[in-house]
Amino acid sequence: MIKRIEEEYVATPMRTRVFHQLEKAILDGDLTPGESLNEVKLSTELGVSRTPIREALMQLELEGLVKTTHNKGAVVVGISEKDVDDIYAIRSRIEGLAARWAAEHVTEKELEDLREIVELQEFYAAKGDKLRVWNLDNRFHELLYESCQSNLLRRMLSMYHHYLHKARETTVRHGRALASTQEHRAILTALENHDPDEAERRMCVHVANARDSFFQLME
């Protein structure tokens, strides 16, 4: 069941809100590959007219998450294991680059914020609070993207990070909370030393370990 669109006024256009709602449902597995997306049914479930539904489905098709066929209409494609593997490989390259550039450009204020995040991760990891570690994990990567001082790279990384949201949540909340935190500490140390090579290497190891952990959990 897809969560109904909130009815209070929001500045974001309805088609965008519907798109994000459906995208999240697909990425979270609430809408599964092969499932038909009926405009009338979705309109009723989300409490909106068919026009933003139709526009959202067109955008989802451009994203490759939905495919339109003559017989079934819009059908969920979703993210396959091959897609996940490809995204991890791409993310390793570009997030490694982000860490390299961050080591060159990070400010002292950004380092202070990153230190606070890692210290909180260590605190909650020791307590076994995986949900808080997961939320801090997101913030660590977001701040690192900002500190690389490249709007284009940050947008690319945000997209891939978003697509792997469920996979990353699965690994952090099912066994990688402490390991991920330790890897963040190593990345932070490289950033503090303004060592681009080490920052890139540590980030690539971090992404590779996350990828391996995810596929081990899927076996």
C-alpha atoms as a PDB file:
ATOM      1  CA  MET A   1       0.000   0.000   0.000  1.00  0.00           C
ATOM      2  CA  ILE A   2       1.414   3.372  -1.022  1.00  0.00           C
ATOM      3  CA  LYS A   3       1.240   6.157   1.525  1.00  0.00           C
ATOM      4  CA  ARG A   4      -1.403   8.756   0.671  1.00  0.00           C
ATOM      5  CA  ILE A   5      -0.151  12.185  -0.430  1.00  0.00           C
ATOM      6  CA  GLU A   6      -0.529  14.723   2.364  1.00  0.00           C
ATOM      7  CA  GLU A   7      -3.302  17.185   1.611  1.00  0.00           C
ATOM      8  CA  GLU A   8      -1.941  20.306   3.307  1.00  0.00           C
ATOM      9  CA  TYR A   9      -0.414  22.975   1.115  1.00  0.00           C
ATOM     10  CA  VAL A  10       3.131  22.292  -0.011  1.00  0.00           C
ATOM     11  CA  ALA A  11       5.007  24.497  -2.479  1.00  0.00           C
ATOM     12  CA  THR A  12       6.329  21.470  -4.375  1.00  0.00           C
ATOM     13  CA  PRO A  13       4.227  20.725  -7.511  1.00  0.00           C
ATOM     14  CA  MET A  14       1.863  17.783  -7.115  1.00  0.00           C
ATOM     15  CA  ARG A  15       3.454  15.855 -10.019  1.00  0.00           C
ATOM     16  CA  THR A  16       6.826  16.074  -8.236  1.00  0.00           C
ATOM     17  CA  ARG A  17       5.358  14.911  -4.935  1.00  0.00           C
ATOM     18  CA  VAL A  18       3.640  11.980  -6.653  1.00  0.00           C
ATOM     19  CA  PHE A  19       6.865  11.102  -8.490  1.00  0.00           C
ATOM     20  CA  HIS A  20       8.881  11.010  -5.272  1.00  0.00           C
ATOM     21  CA  GLN A  21       6.188   8.969  -3.527  1.00  0.00           C
ATOM     22  CA  LEU A  22       6.092   6.358  -6.294  1.00  0.00           C
ATOM     23  CA  GLU A  23       9.863   6.360  -6.703  1.00  0.00           C
ATOM     24  CA  LYS A  24      10.298   5.670  -2.986  1.00  0.00           C
ATOM     25  CA  ALA A  25       7.727   2.868  -3.125  1.00  0.00           C
ATOM     26  CA  ILE A  26       9.636   1.249  -6.002  1.00  0.00           C
ATOM     27  CA  LEU A  27      13.078   1.648  -4.430  1.00  0.00           C
ATOM     28  CA  ASP A  28      11.804   0.379  -1.059  1.00  0.00           C
ATOM     29  CA  GLY A  29      10.203  -2.655  -2.697  1.00  0.00           C
ATOM     30  CA  ASP A  30       6.617  -1.723  -1.857  1.00  0.00           C
ATOM     31  CA  LEU A  31       5.976  -1.753  -5.609  1.00  0.00           C
ATOM     32  CA  THR A  32       7.676  -4.827  -7.064  1.00  0.00           C
ATOM     33  CA  PRO A  33       9.075  -5.533 -10.559  1.00  0.00           C
ATOM     34  CA  GLY A  34       6.336  -6.647 -12.945  1.00  0.00           C
ATOM     35  CA  GLU A  35       3.563  -4.946 -10.970  1.00  0.00           C
ATOM     36  CA  SER A  36       1.114  -2.928 -13.066  1.00  0.00           C
ATOM     37  CA  LEU A  37       0.566   0.712 -12.152  1.00  0.00           C
ATOM     38  CA  ASN A  38      -3.047   1.560 -12.847  1.00  0.00           C
ATOM     39  CA  GLU A  39      -3.675   5.303 -13.018  1.00  0.00           C
ATOM     40  CA  VAL A  40      -7.185   5.084 -11.579  1.00  0.00           C
ATOM     41  CA  LYS A  41      -6.074   2.897  -8.668  1.00  0.00           C
ATOM     42  CA  LEU A  42      -3.075   5.098  -7.904  1.00  0.00           C
ATOM     43  CA  SER A  43      -5.253   8.205  -8.109  1.00  0.00           C
ATOM     44  CA  THR A  44      -7.563   6.745  -5.473  1.00  0.00           C
ATOM     45  CA  GLU A  45      -4.761   5.500  -3.208  1.00  0.00           C
ATOM     46  CA  LEU A  46      -2.804   8.748  -3.298  1.00  0.00           C
ATOM     47  CA  GLY A  47      -5.834  11.016  -3.242  1.00  0.00           C
ATOM     48  CA  VAL A  48      -4.863  13.025  -6.317  1.00  0.00           C
ATOM     49  CA  SER A  49      -6.152  13.444  -9.858  1.00  0.00           C
ATOM     50  CA  ARG A  50      -4.918  11.271 -12.721  1.00  0.00           C
ATOM     51  CA  THR A  51      -2.926  14.080 -14.364  1.00  0.00           C
ATOM     52  CA  PRO A  52      -0.034  14.182 -11.834  1.00  0.00           C
ATOM     53  CA  ILE A  53      -0.091  10.359 -11.786  1.00  0.00           C
ATOM     54  CA  ARG A  54       0.370  10.252 -15.547  1.00  0.00           C
ATOM     55  CA  GLU A  55       3.141  12.874 -15.421  1.00  0.00           C
ATOM     56  CA  ALA A  56       4.917  11.023 -12.593  1.00  0.00           C
ATOM     57  CA  LEU A  57       4.774   7.730 -14.510  1.00  0.00           C
ATOM     58  CA  MET A  58       6.334   9.416 -17.546  1.00  0.00           C
ATOM     59  CA  GLN A  59       9.175  10.711 -15.371  1.00  0.00           C
ATOM     60  CA  LEU A  60       9.645   7.296 -13.768  1.00  0.00           C
ATOM     61  CA  GLU A  61       9.939   5.793 -17.244  1.00  0.00           C
ATOM     62  CA  LEU A  62      12.674   8.296 -18.074  1.00  0.00           C
ATOM     63  CA  GLU A  63      14.441   7.186 -14.879  1.00  0.00           C
ATOM     64  CA  GLY A  64      14.199   3.567 -16.037  1.00  0.00           C
ATOM     65  CA  LEU A  65      12.115   2.506 -13.028  1.00  0.00           C
ATOM     66  CA  VAL A  66       8.917   1.977 -15.044  1.00  0.00           C
ATOM     67  CA  LYS A  67       8.222   0.649 -18.527  1.00  0.00           C
ATOM     68  CA  THR A  68       5.100   1.321 -20.573  1.00  0.00           C
ATOM     69  CA  THR A  69       3.720  -1.550 -22.656  1.00  0.00           C
ATOM     70  CA  HIS A  70       0.739  -1.687 -25.022  1.00  0.00           C
ATOM     71  CA  ASN A  71      -0.972  -4.490 -23.110  1.00  0.00           C
ATOM     72  CA  LYS A  72      -0.342  -3.611 -19.465  1.00  0.00           C
ATOM     73  CA  GLY A  73       0.305   0.116 -19.488  1.00  0.00           C
ATOM     74  CA  ALA A  74       2.911   1.186 -16.924  1.00  0.00           C
ATOM     75  CA  VAL A  75       4.773  -1.705 -15.289  1.00  0.00           C
ATOM     76  CA  VAL A  76       7.384  -1.523 -12.520  1.00  0.00           C
ATOM     77  CA  VAL A  77      10.926  -2.333 -13.638  1.00  0.00           C
ATOM     78  CA  GLY A  78      12.645  -1.433 -10.376  1.00  0.00           C
ATOM     79  CA  ILE A  79      16.305  -1.941  -9.499  1.00  0.00           C
ATOM     80  CA  SER A  80      17.806  -5.341 -10.275  1.00  0.00           C
ATOM     81  CA  GLU A  81      20.797  -6.901  -8.515  1.00  0.00           C
ATOM     82  CA  LYS A  82      22.844  -6.111 -11.627  1.00  0.00           C
ATOM     83  CA  ASP A  83      21.727  -2.468 -11.352  1.00  0.00           C
ATOM     84  CA  VAL A  84      22.768  -2.392  -7.692  1.00  0.00           C
ATOM     85  CA  ASP A  85      26.160  -3.875  -8.543  1.00  0.00           C
ATOM     86  CA  ASP A  86      26.645  -1.347 -11.355  1.00  0.00           C
ATOM     87  CA  ILE A  87      25.647   1.558  -9.110  1.00  0.00           C
ATOM     88  CA  TYR A  88      28.098   0.482  -6.416  1.00  0.00           C
ATOM     89  CA  ALA A  89      30.865   0.313  -9.049  1.00  0.00           C
ATOM     90  CA  ILE A  90      30.008   3.768 -10.402  1.00  0.00           C
ATOM     91  CA  ARG A  91      29.606   5.175  -6.914  1.00  0.00           C
ATOM     92  CA  SER A  92      33.040   3.842  -5.911  1.00  0.00           C
ATOM     93  CA  ARG A  93      34.688   5.819  -8.710  1.00  0.00           C
ATOM     94  CA  ILE A  94      32.843   9.092  -8.286  1.00  0.00           C
ATOM     95  CA  GLU A  95      32.617   9.017  -4.481  1.00  0.00           C
ATOM     96  CA  GLY A  96      36.333   8.279  -4.392  1.00  0.00           C
ATOM     97  CA  LEU A  97      36.799  11.405  -6.498  1.00  0.00           C
ATOM     98  CA  ALA A  98      34.564  13.357  -4.113  1.00  0.00           C
ATOM     99  CA  ALA A  99      36.719  12.258  -1.161  1.00  0.00           C
ATOM    100  CA  ARG A 100      39.863  13.278  -3.080  1.00  0.00           C
ATOM    101  CA  TRP A 101      38.475  16.738  -3.798  1.00  0.00           C
ATOM    102  CA  ALA A 102      37.148  17.060  -0.257  1.00  0.00           C
ATOM    103  CA  ALA A 103      40.640  16.390   1.112  1.00  0.00           C
ATOM    104  CA  GLU A 104      41.860  19.290  -1.011  1.00  0.00           C
ATOM    105  CA  HIS A 105      39.050  21.739  -0.258  1.00  0.00           C
ATOM    106  CA  VAL A 106      37.419  20.823   3.074  1.00  0.00           C
ATOM    107  CA  THR A 107      37.112  23.711   5.530  1.00  0.00           C
ATOM    108  CA  GLU A 108      37.824  23.555   9.237  1.00  0.00           C
ATOM    109  CA  LYS A 109      34.112  24.075   9.946  1.00  0.00           C
ATOM    110  CA  GLU A 110      33.230  21.122   7.722  1.00  0.00           C
ATOM    111  CA  LEU A 111      35.882  19.013   9.464  1.00  0.00           C
ATOM    112  CA  GLU A 112      34.393  19.936  12.830  1.00  0.00           C
ATOM    113  CA  ASP A 113      30.952  18.863  11.622  1.00  0.00           C
ATOM    114  CA  LEU A 114      32.329  15.590  10.225  1.00  0.00           C
ATOM    115  CA  ARG A 115      34.147  14.890  13.515  1.00  0.00           C
ATOM    116  CA  GLU A 116      30.940  15.415  15.446  1.00  0.00           C
ATOM    117  CA  ILE A 117      29.054  13.034  13.141  1.00  0.00           C
ATOM    118  CA  VAL A 118      31.696  10.299  13.451  1.00  0.00           C
ATOM    119  CA  GLU A 119      31.903  10.703  17.241  1.00  0.00           C
ATOM    120  CA  LEU A 120      28.128  10.350  17.488  1.00  0.00           C
ATOM    121  CA  GLN A 121      28.247   7.313  15.210  1.00  0.00           C
ATOM    122  CA  GLU A 122      30.856   5.720  17.462  1.00  0.00           C
ATOM    123  CA  PHE A 123      28.744   6.468  20.529  1.00  0.00           C
ATOM    124  CA  TYR A 124      25.541   4.992  19.090  1.00  0.00           C
ATOM    125  CA  ALA A 125      27.344   2.050  17.446  1.00  0.00           C
ATOM    126  CA  ALA A 126      28.719   1.097  20.872  1.00  0.00           C
ATOM    127  CA  LYS A 127      25.169   1.211  22.229  1.00  0.00           C
ATOM    128  CA  GLY A 128      23.834  -0.872  19.342  1.00  0.00           C
ATOM    129  CA  ASP A 129      21.524   1.920  18.168  1.00  0.00           C
ATOM    130  CA  LYS A 130      21.687   1.070  14.457  1.00  0.00           C
ATOM    131  CA  LEU A 131      18.901   3.456  13.430  1.00  0.00           C
ATOM    132  CA  ARG A 132      20.817   6.487  14.724  1.00  0.00           C
ATOM    133  CA  VAL A 133      24.020   5.202  13.133  1.00  0.00           C
ATOM    134  CA  TRP A 134      22.135   4.867   9.840  1.00  0.00           C
ATOM    135  CA  ASN A 135      20.808   8.424  10.005  1.00  0.00           C
ATOM    136  CA  LEU A 136      24.276   9.769  10.828  1.00  0.00           C
ATOM    137  CA  ASP A 137      25.739   7.691   7.994  1.00  0.00           C
ATOM    138  CA  ASN A 138      23.538   9.593   5.549  1.00  0.00           C
ATOM    139  CA  ARG A 139      24.597  12.923   7.011  1.00  0.00           C
ATOM    140  CA  PHE A 140      28.304  12.026   6.815  1.00  0.00           C
ATOM    141  CA  HIS A 141      28.089  11.344   3.092  1.00  0.00           C
ATOM    142  CA  GLU A 142      25.944  14.400   2.410  1.00  0.00           C
ATOM    143  CA  LEU A 143      28.446  16.672   4.160  1.00  0.00           C
ATOM    144  CA  LEU A 144      31.373  15.069   2.352  1.00  0.00           C
ATOM    145  CA  TYR A 145      29.599  15.723  -0.965  1.00  0.00           C
ATOM    146  CA  GLU A 146      29.204  19.368  -0.005  1.00  0.00           C
ATOM    147  CA  SER A 147      32.847  19.701   1.033  1.00  0.00           C
ATOM    148  CA  CYS A 148      34.171  18.486  -2.350  1.00  0.00           C
ATOM    149  CA  GLN A 149      33.000  21.858  -3.733  1.00  0.00           C
ATOM    150  CA  SER A 150      31.581  20.494  -6.986  1.00  0.00           C
ATOM    151  CA  ASN A 151      27.868  21.005  -7.556  1.00  0.00           C
ATOM    152  CA  LEU A 152      27.862  18.629 -10.528  1.00  0.00           C
ATOM    153  CA  LEU A 153      29.570  15.811  -8.624  1.00  0.00           C
ATOM    154  CA  ARG A 154      27.337  16.392  -5.600  1.00  0.00           C
ATOM    155  CA  ARG A 155      24.184  16.062  -7.721  1.00  0.00           C
ATOM    156  CA  MET A 156      25.447  12.854  -9.342  1.00  0.00           C
ATOM    157  CA  LEU A 157      26.365  11.320  -5.997  1.00  0.00           C
ATOM    158  CA  SER A 158      23.065  12.295  -4.412  1.00  0.00           C
ATOM    159  CA  MET A 159      21.200  10.473  -7.180  1.00  0.00           C
ATOM    160  CA  TYR A 160      23.214   7.245  -6.822  1.00  0.00           C
ATOM    161  CA  HIS A 161      23.134   7.474  -3.035  1.00  0.00           C
ATOM    162  CA  HIS A 162      19.355   7.775  -3.241  1.00  0.00           C
ATOM    163  CA  TYR A 163      19.027   4.764  -5.547  1.00  0.00           C
ATOM    164  CA  LEU A 164      21.002   2.658  -3.069  1.00  0.00           C
ATOM    165  CA  HIS A 165      19.022   3.921  -0.088  1.00  0.00           C
ATOM    166  CA  LYS A 166      17.403   0.576   0.701  1.00  0.00           C
ATOM    167  CA  ALA A 167      20.591  -1.424   0.102  1.00  0.00           C
ATOM    168  CA  ARG A 168      22.606   0.889   2.337  1.00  0.00           C
ATOM    169  CA  GLU A 169      19.973   0.863   5.050  1.00  0.00           C
ATOM    170  CA  THR A 170      19.933  -2.943   4.949  1.00  0.00           C
ATOM    171  CA  THR A 171      23.699  -3.241   5.416  1.00  0.00           C
ATOM    172  CA  VAL A 172      24.042  -0.590   8.141  1.00  0.00           C
ATOM    173  CA  ARG A 173      21.082  -1.836  10.151  1.00  0.00           C
ATOM    174  CA  HIS A 174      21.969  -5.519   9.749  1.00  0.00           C
ATOM    175  CA  GLY A 175      25.612  -5.873  10.696  1.00  0.00           C
ATOM    176  CA  ARG A 176      27.686  -3.019   9.260  1.00  0.00           C
ATOM    177  CA  ALA A 177      26.980  -0.251  11.779  1.00  0.00           C
ATOM    178  CA  LEU A 178      30.304  -0.586  13.604  1.00  0.00           C
ATOM    179  CA  ALA A 179      32.380  -1.371  10.490  1.00  0.00           C
ATOM    180  CA  SER A 180      30.865   1.549   8.572  1.00  0.00           C
ATOM    181  CA  THR A 181      31.613   3.881  11.481  1.00  0.00           C
ATOM    182  CA  GLN A 182      35.242   2.722  11.632  1.00  0.00           C
ATOM    183  CA  GLU A 183      35.575   3.286   7.889  1.00  0.00           C
ATOM    184  CA  HIS A 184      34.156   6.792   8.271  1.00  0.00           C
ATOM    185  CA  ARG A 185      36.766   7.475  10.952  1.00  0.00           C
ATOM    186  CA  ALA A 186      39.535   6.401   8.527  1.00  0.00           C
ATOM    187  CA  ILE A 187      38.112   8.647   5.791  1.00  0.00           C
ATOM    188  CA  LEU A 188      37.889  11.538   8.243  1.00  0.00           C
ATOM    189  CA  THR A 189      41.533  11.068   9.281  1.00  0.00           C
ATOM    190  CA  ALA A 190      42.591  11.300   5.634  1.00  0.00           C
ATOM    191  CA  LEU A 191      40.523  14.468   5.224  1.00  0.00           C
ATOM    192  CA  GLU A 192      42.074  15.983   8.365  1.00  0.00           C
ATOM    193  CA  ASN A 193      45.514  15.232   6.931  1.00  0.00           C
ATOM    194  CA  HIS A 194      44.455  16.728   3.587  1.00  0.00           C
ATOM    195  CA  ASP A 195      45.685  13.538   1.920  1.00  0.00           C
ATOM    196  CA  PRO A 196      43.778  13.127  -1.381  1.00  0.00           C
ATOM    197  CA  ASP A 197      45.242   9.713  -2.252  1.00  0.00           C
ATOM    198  CA  GLU A 198      44.412   8.210   1.128  1.00  0.00           C
ATOM    199  CA  ALA A 199      40.953   9.812   1.231  1.00  0.00           C
ATOM    200  CA  GLU A 200      40.113   8.344  -2.187  1.00  0.00           C
ATOM    201  CA  ARG A 201      41.505   4.921  -1.254  1.00  0.00           C
ATOM    202  CA  ARG A 202      39.609   4.796   2.041  1.00  0.00           C
ATOM    203  CA  MET A 203      36.366   5.814   0.363  1.00  0.00           C
ATOM    204  CA  CYS A 204      36.724   3.158  -2.335  1.00  0.00           C
ATOM    205  CA  VAL A 205      37.327   0.518   0.357  1.00  0.00           C
ATOM    206  CA  HIS A 206      34.248   1.779   2.229  1.00  0.00           C
ATOM    207  CA  VAL A 207      31.984   1.509  -0.829  1.00  0.00           C
ATOM    208  CA  ALA A 208      33.415  -1.903  -1.804  1.00  0.00           C
ATOM    209  CA  ASN A 209      32.802  -3.256   1.708  1.00  0.00           C
ATOM    210  CA  ALA A 210      29.229  -1.948   1.651  1.00  0.00           C
ATOM    211  CA  ARG A 211      28.656  -3.635  -1.692  1.00  0.00           C
ATOM    212  CA  ASP A 212      30.066  -6.966  -0.486  1.00  0.00           C
ATOM    213  CA  SER A 213      27.997  -6.804   2.703  1.00  0.00           C
ATOM    214  CA  PHE A 214      24.792  -6.188   0.774  1.00  0.00           C
ATOM    215  CA  PHE A 215      25.235  -9.168  -1.534  1.00  0.00           C
ATOM    216  CA  GLN A 216      26.206 -11.408   1.363  1.00  0.00           C
ATOM    217  CA  LEU A 217      22.953 -10.468   3.085  1.00  0.00           C
ATOM    218  CA  MET A 218      21.023 -11.209  -0.105  1.00  0.00           C
ATOM    219  CA  GLU A 219      22.394 -14.759  -0.361  1.00  0.00           C
END
